[in-house]
Amino acid sequence: MNAKICLVTGATHGIGRATARALAASGATVLVHGRDLARARAVAGDISRATGNPEVRSVQADFAQLAQVRRLAQELHSLLPRLDVLINNAGLMAAVHTRSADGYDLTFAVNHLAPFLLTNLLLEKLERSAPARVIVVASEAHRRATLDFGDLMNARASGWAAYERSKLANVLFARELARRLAGTGVTVNALHPGVVRSQLFRGSPALLRVLLSSVGWLFMLSPQQGARASVYLATASEVSGESGGYYRGCRRVAPSLAAQSEACAARLWQESARLTGLAA
């Protein structure tokens, strides 16, 4: 990965941090994104010292605010000569009916709208850097979801259902983006990292947090194990031309039937473009 530039969102904890460290160890220039700049700087410094790679930097944006996503994209266009790998890893499961700064369901905003907007704003940089890769960290939780276009803000959904829908949106976004980028040299794939010990559930109900920390924690993967699929899709030569796929670990599998709907993917794109103010 020498001379490759990689951006990992949500890289100050868990899977994102482990992914950023593995890419830095492979020789890549790595941008560690976090919503807290001091934390992102500290993590970038830790990764740089641990790997002996001086090319680890920090960037900041709160994905609950689309204006900050736009500002980050502008900064990256000015800062980076190229962008070879974009890993959309940042995510959360917010408490039910929590809203973003823009008034959207927080889980849907952070998990789908923010990476949708950021990726689209960086497409010019990615296409000029081709061959380039976009990787979307989704989840097997998408298999239990269907999108309700009459309730994209999850007013009638539980916190867990909102999370499942956001992960379905991730897979649909990756498939539609792959279709749109066919022939450009930019590939797009989504993945399930496994059930990982992370801060994903920090905003979930107290009872769920207690159960996960006391019992579920024993059966979860480490962040390093969870990062394997992201690192594989970012670096492996055998997937250099693969696009539009969904991977469980390092193996391509079929997503749910709902995630294979071209009509649903196209409609989600149009709605996401409207909600983010992006020209469809």
Protein backbone atom coordinates (compact mmCIF):
# COMPACT_ATOMS: atom_id res chain seq x y z
CA MET A 1 0.00 0.00 0.00
CA ASN A 2 3.01 2.32 -0.33
CA ALA A 3 2.00 5.64 -1.93
CA LYS A 4 -1.69 4.82 -1.45
CA ILE A 5 -3.85 7.34 0.43
CA CYS A 6 -6.68 5.94 2.55
CA LEU A 7 -9.44 7.68 4.50
CA VAL A 8 -11.09 5.71 7.30
CA THR A 9 -14.15 7.32 8.86
CA GLY A 10 -14.99 6.63 12.48
CA ALA A 11 -11.38 5.62 13.06
CA THR A 12 -10.86 6.70 16.68
CA HIS A 13 -12.37 3.53 18.18
CA GLY A 14 -13.07 -0.12 17.47
CA ILE A 15 -13.07 -1.47 13.93
CA GLY A 16 -12.13 1.86 12.37
CA ARG A 17 -9.08 2.27 14.57
CA ALA A 18 -7.95 -1.30 13.92
CA THR A 19 -8.47 -0.77 10.18
CA ALA A 20 -6.48 2.45 10.16
CA ARG A 21 -3.63 0.79 12.08
CA ALA A 22 -3.50 -2.18 9.68
CA LEU A 23 -3.41 0.11 6.65
CA ALA A 24 -0.69 2.24 8.22
CA ALA A 25 1.32 -0.90 8.95
CA SER A 26 1.04 -1.81 5.26
CA GLY A 27 2.69 1.49 4.29
CA ALA A 28 -0.33 3.57 3.29
CA THR A 29 -0.87 7.22 4.07
CA VAL A 30 -3.86 7.07 6.41
CA LEU A 31 -6.33 9.75 7.42
CA VAL A 32 -7.94 9.02 10.77
CA HIS A 33 -11.38 10.61 10.93
CA GLY A 34 -13.22 11.32 14.16
CA ARG A 35 -15.90 13.64 15.42
CA ASP A 36 -13.54 14.88 18.17
CA LEU A 37 -10.38 16.46 16.76
CA ALA A 38 -8.27 16.01 19.90
CA ARG A 39 -9.16 12.33 20.01
CA ALA A 40 -8.45 11.89 16.29
CA ARG A 41 -5.05 13.55 16.68
CA ALA A 42 -4.17 11.34 19.65
CA VAL A 43 -5.17 8.16 17.81
CA ALA A 44 -3.27 9.19 14.68
CA GLY A 45 -0.20 9.78 16.81
CA ASP A 46 -0.57 6.42 18.54
CA ILE A 47 -0.93 4.58 15.22
CA SER A 48 2.04 6.42 13.72
CA ARG A 49 4.30 5.48 16.65
CA ALA A 50 3.08 1.89 16.79
CA THR A 51 3.57 1.24 13.07
CA GLY A 52 6.59 3.45 12.44
CA ASN A 53 4.61 5.18 9.67
CA PRO A 54 4.93 8.99 9.77
CA GLU A 55 2.14 9.43 7.20
CA VAL A 56 -0.82 9.10 9.56
CA ARG A 57 -2.96 12.22 9.87
CA SER A 58 -6.19 13.27 11.53
CA VAL A 59 -9.33 14.91 10.16
CA GLN A 60 -12.51 15.92 11.94
CA ALA A 61 -16.21 16.15 11.21
CA ASP A 62 -19.35 15.41 13.19
CA PHE A 63 -21.44 13.22 10.91
CA ALA A 64 -24.59 14.34 12.73
CA GLN A 65 -24.17 17.66 10.89
CA LEU A 66 -24.21 17.56 7.10
CA ALA A 67 -22.57 20.99 6.97
CA GLN A 68 -19.52 19.47 8.65
CA VAL A 69 -19.50 16.64 6.10
CA ARG A 70 -19.40 19.23 3.32
CA ARG A 71 -16.63 21.14 5.07
CA LEU A 72 -14.58 17.95 5.46
CA ALA A 73 -14.97 17.13 1.77
CA GLN A 74 -13.75 20.62 0.82
CA GLU A 75 -10.74 20.26 3.11
CA LEU A 76 -9.86 16.88 1.65
CA HIS A 77 -10.05 18.20 -1.90
CA SER A 78 -7.53 20.88 -0.95
CA LEU A 79 -5.33 18.62 1.19
CA LEU A 80 -5.04 15.45 -0.86
CA PRO A 81 -3.29 14.99 -4.20
CA ARG A 82 -5.28 11.76 -4.64
CA LEU A 83 -7.57 9.37 -2.76
CA ASP A 84 -7.13 5.65 -3.37
CA VAL A 85 -9.34 4.11 -0.68
CA LEU A 86 -12.39 5.48 1.15
CA ILE A 87 -13.67 3.29 3.97
CA ASN A 88 -17.08 4.41 5.22
CA ASN A 89 -16.87 2.88 8.67
CA ALA A 90 -18.42 5.46 11.04
CA GLY A 91 -21.68 4.33 12.59
CA LEU A 92 -23.84 4.21 15.67
CA MET A 93 -27.12 2.98 17.04
CA ALA A 94 -28.76 6.00 18.64
CA ALA A 95 -31.50 6.05 21.22
CA VAL A 96 -34.95 5.88 19.66
CA HIS A 97 -36.20 9.08 18.02
CA THR A 98 -32.95 10.98 18.55
CA ARG A 99 -32.47 13.68 15.91
CA SER A 100 -29.42 15.00 14.12
CA ALA A 101 -28.53 18.68 13.86
CA ASP A 102 -30.44 18.74 10.57
CA GLY A 103 -33.57 17.27 12.15
CA TYR A 104 -33.14 13.77 10.72
CA ASP A 105 -33.21 10.46 12.58
CA LEU A 106 -29.71 10.31 14.06
CA THR A 107 -29.01 6.67 13.18
CA PHE A 108 -30.09 7.16 9.56
CA ALA A 109 -28.18 10.46 9.32
CA VAL A 110 -24.86 9.18 10.64
CA ASN A 111 -24.96 5.67 9.18
CA HIS A 112 -26.31 6.49 5.73
CA LEU A 113 -26.79 10.16 4.83
CA ALA A 114 -23.34 11.30 5.96
CA PRO A 115 -21.37 8.62 4.04
CA PHE A 116 -23.69 9.04 1.05
CA LEU A 117 -22.89 12.76 0.94
CA LEU A 118 -19.18 12.44 1.71
CA THR A 119 -18.63 9.76 -0.91
CA ASN A 120 -20.44 11.72 -3.59
CA LEU A 121 -18.49 14.87 -2.79
CA LEU A 122 -15.22 12.92 -3.08
CA LEU A 123 -16.09 11.07 -6.29
CA GLU A 124 -14.12 13.42 -8.51
CA LYS A 125 -11.00 12.82 -6.41
CA LEU A 126 -11.56 9.05 -6.42
CA GLU A 127 -12.15 8.87 -10.18
CA ARG A 128 -8.99 10.87 -10.88
CA SER A 129 -7.08 8.43 -8.64
CA ALA A 130 -8.46 5.30 -10.31
CA PRO A 131 -8.06 2.46 -9.74
CA ALA A 132 -9.65 3.37 -6.42
CA ARG A 133 -11.89 1.62 -3.93
CA VAL A 134 -14.91 2.60 -1.85
CA ILE A 135 -15.79 0.29 1.03
CA VAL A 136 -19.01 0.52 3.06
CA VAL A 137 -19.19 -1.17 6.45
CA ALA A 138 -22.72 -2.58 6.64
CA SER A 139 -24.04 -5.49 8.72
CA GLU A 140 -25.94 -8.75 8.58
CA ALA A 141 -28.58 -6.79 10.49
CA HIS A 142 -29.72 -5.56 7.07
CA ARG A 143 -31.34 -8.97 6.44
CA ARG A 144 -34.17 -8.24 8.87
CA ALA A 145 -35.01 -4.85 7.37
CA THR A 146 -37.16 -3.33 4.68
CA LEU A 147 -37.15 0.37 3.88
CA ASP A 148 -40.31 2.35 4.57
CA PHE A 149 -40.08 5.36 2.28
CA GLY A 150 -43.01 6.86 4.14
CA ASP A 151 -41.01 6.75 7.36
CA LEU A 152 -37.33 7.18 6.48
CA MET A 153 -36.88 9.13 9.71
CA ASN A 154 -38.06 6.11 11.72
CA ALA A 155 -40.81 7.89 13.63
CA ARG A 156 -42.64 4.55 13.95
CA ALA A 157 -39.56 2.34 14.40
CA SER A 158 -37.61 1.13 17.41
CA GLY A 159 -33.95 2.02 17.83
CA TRP A 160 -32.88 -1.45 16.70
CA ALA A 161 -35.18 -1.35 13.66
CA ALA A 162 -33.73 2.04 12.73
CA TYR A 163 -30.24 0.53 12.87
CA GLU A 164 -31.27 -2.43 10.70
CA ARG A 165 -32.77 -0.07 8.13
CA SER A 166 -29.62 2.03 8.05
CA LYS A 167 -27.55 -1.07 7.34
CA LEU A 168 -29.89 -2.04 4.50
CA ALA A 169 -29.44 1.49 3.18
CA ASN A 170 -25.66 0.94 3.29
CA VAL A 171 -25.89 -2.15 1.08
CA LEU A 172 -28.32 -0.52 -1.35
CA PHE A 173 -26.10 2.56 -1.56
CA ALA A 174 -23.03 0.46 -2.34
CA ARG A 175 -24.85 -1.47 -5.08
CA GLU A 176 -26.29 1.64 -6.72
CA LEU A 177 -22.98 3.52 -6.52
CA ALA A 178 -21.20 0.54 -8.06
CA ARG A 179 -23.69 0.58 -10.92
CA ARG A 180 -23.18 4.30 -11.49
CA LEU A 181 -19.38 4.00 -11.41
CA ALA A 182 -19.09 1.02 -13.76
CA GLY A 183 -16.20 1.56 -16.13
CA THR A 184 -14.59 4.39 -14.12
CA GLY A 185 -12.01 2.27 -12.33
CA VAL A 186 -13.61 2.96 -8.95
CA THR A 187 -15.01 -0.15 -7.27
CA VAL A 188 -17.58 -0.19 -4.47
CA ASN A 189 -18.28 -3.03 -2.05
CA ALA A 190 -20.13 -3.46 1.24
CA LEU A 191 -19.31 -5.83 4.07
CA HIS A 192 -20.39 -7.38 7.34
CA PRO A 193 -17.47 -7.22 9.82
CA GLY A 194 -18.97 -9.63 12.35
CA VAL A 195 -20.36 -8.80 15.77
CA VAL A 196 -17.53 -6.81 17.27
CA ARG A 197 -16.69 -5.40 20.69
CA SER A 198 -16.93 -1.68 19.95
CA GLN A 199 -18.63 1.56 20.93
CA LEU A 200 -21.38 1.07 18.34
CA PHE A 201 -24.05 0.65 21.02
CA ARG A 202 -22.96 3.55 23.21
CA GLY A 203 -26.20 5.42 22.52
CA SER A 204 -28.50 2.39 22.81
CA PRO A 205 -30.88 1.74 25.73
CA ALA A 206 -29.23 1.02 29.09
CA LEU A 207 -30.55 -2.54 29.32
CA LEU A 208 -29.05 -3.49 25.97
CA ARG A 209 -25.70 -1.97 26.93
CA VAL A 210 -25.70 -3.96 30.17
CA LEU A 211 -26.51 -7.22 28.39
CA LEU A 212 -23.82 -6.67 25.79
CA SER A 213 -21.16 -5.71 28.31
CA SER A 214 -21.92 -8.57 30.70
CA VAL A 215 -22.79 -11.53 28.46
CA GLY A 216 -22.57 -10.66 24.78
CA TRP A 217 -19.04 -9.27 25.14
CA LEU A 218 -17.71 -12.80 25.66
CA PHE A 219 -18.91 -13.93 22.21
CA MET A 220 -17.97 -10.87 20.19
CA LEU A 221 -14.98 -10.47 17.89
CA SER A 222 -12.08 -8.19 18.73
CA PRO A 223 -11.78 -4.95 16.72
CA GLN A 224 -8.75 -6.45 14.97
CA GLN A 225 -10.82 -9.44 13.85
CA GLY A 226 -13.65 -7.15 12.78
CA ALA A 227 -11.28 -5.04 10.68
CA ARG A 228 -10.12 -7.96 8.55
CA ALA A 229 -12.83 -7.62 5.90
CA SER A 230 -12.28 -3.87 5.49
CA VAL A 231 -8.52 -4.34 5.16
CA TYR A 232 -9.04 -7.22 2.73
CA LEU A 233 -11.30 -5.19 0.45
CA ALA A 234 -8.91 -2.24 0.65
CA THR A 235 -5.73 -4.14 -0.17
CA ALA A 236 -6.29 -7.55 -1.78
CA SER A 237 -5.30 -7.81 -5.44
CA GLU A 238 -7.90 -10.52 -6.12
CA VAL A 239 -10.77 -8.09 -5.53
CA SER A 240 -9.26 -5.20 -7.50
CA GLY A 241 -11.92 -5.46 -10.20
CA GLU A 242 -14.81 -6.64 -8.03
CA SER A 243 -17.63 -4.15 -7.51
CA GLY A 244 -21.19 -4.14 -6.24
CA GLY A 245 -20.55 -7.03 -3.89
CA TYR A 246 -21.48 -7.79 -0.31
CA TYR A 247 -18.88 -9.60 1.79
CA ARG A 248 -19.20 -11.51 5.02
CA GLY A 249 -15.68 -11.51 6.32
CA CYS A 250 -13.50 -12.05 3.26
CA ARG A 251 -16.06 -14.04 1.27
CA ARG A 252 -18.57 -12.60 -1.17
CA VAL A 253 -22.14 -13.65 -0.37
CA ALA A 254 -25.59 -12.65 -1.55
CA PRO A 255 -27.28 -9.95 0.53
CA SER A 256 -30.98 -10.06 1.38
CA LEU A 257 -33.58 -9.91 -1.38
CA ALA A 258 -34.52 -6.40 -0.23
CA ALA A 259 -30.88 -5.36 -0.69
CA GLN A 260 -30.92 -6.65 -4.27
CA SER A 261 -33.85 -4.46 -5.37
CA GLU A 262 -32.68 -2.12 -8.13
CA ALA A 263 -35.85 -0.08 -7.83
CA CYS A 264 -35.37 0.36 -4.09
CA ALA A 265 -31.73 1.32 -4.54
CA ALA A 266 -32.61 3.92 -7.18
CA ARG A 267 -35.38 5.40 -5.05
CA LEU A 268 -33.15 5.52 -1.97
CA TRP A 269 -30.54 7.38 -4.02
CA GLN A 270 -33.09 9.98 -5.10
CA GLU A 271 -34.40 10.46 -1.54
CA SER A 272 -30.87 10.65 -0.13
CA ALA A 273 -29.87 13.24 -2.71
CA ARG A 274 -32.92 15.32 -1.78
CA LEU A 275 -32.28 15.06 1.96
CA THR A 276 -28.60 15.98 1.66
CA GLY A 277 -29.11 18.73 -0.92
CA LEU A 278 -27.07 16.83 -3.49
CA ALA A 279 -28.07 17.03 -7.15
CA ALA A 280 -29.62 13.64 -7.90
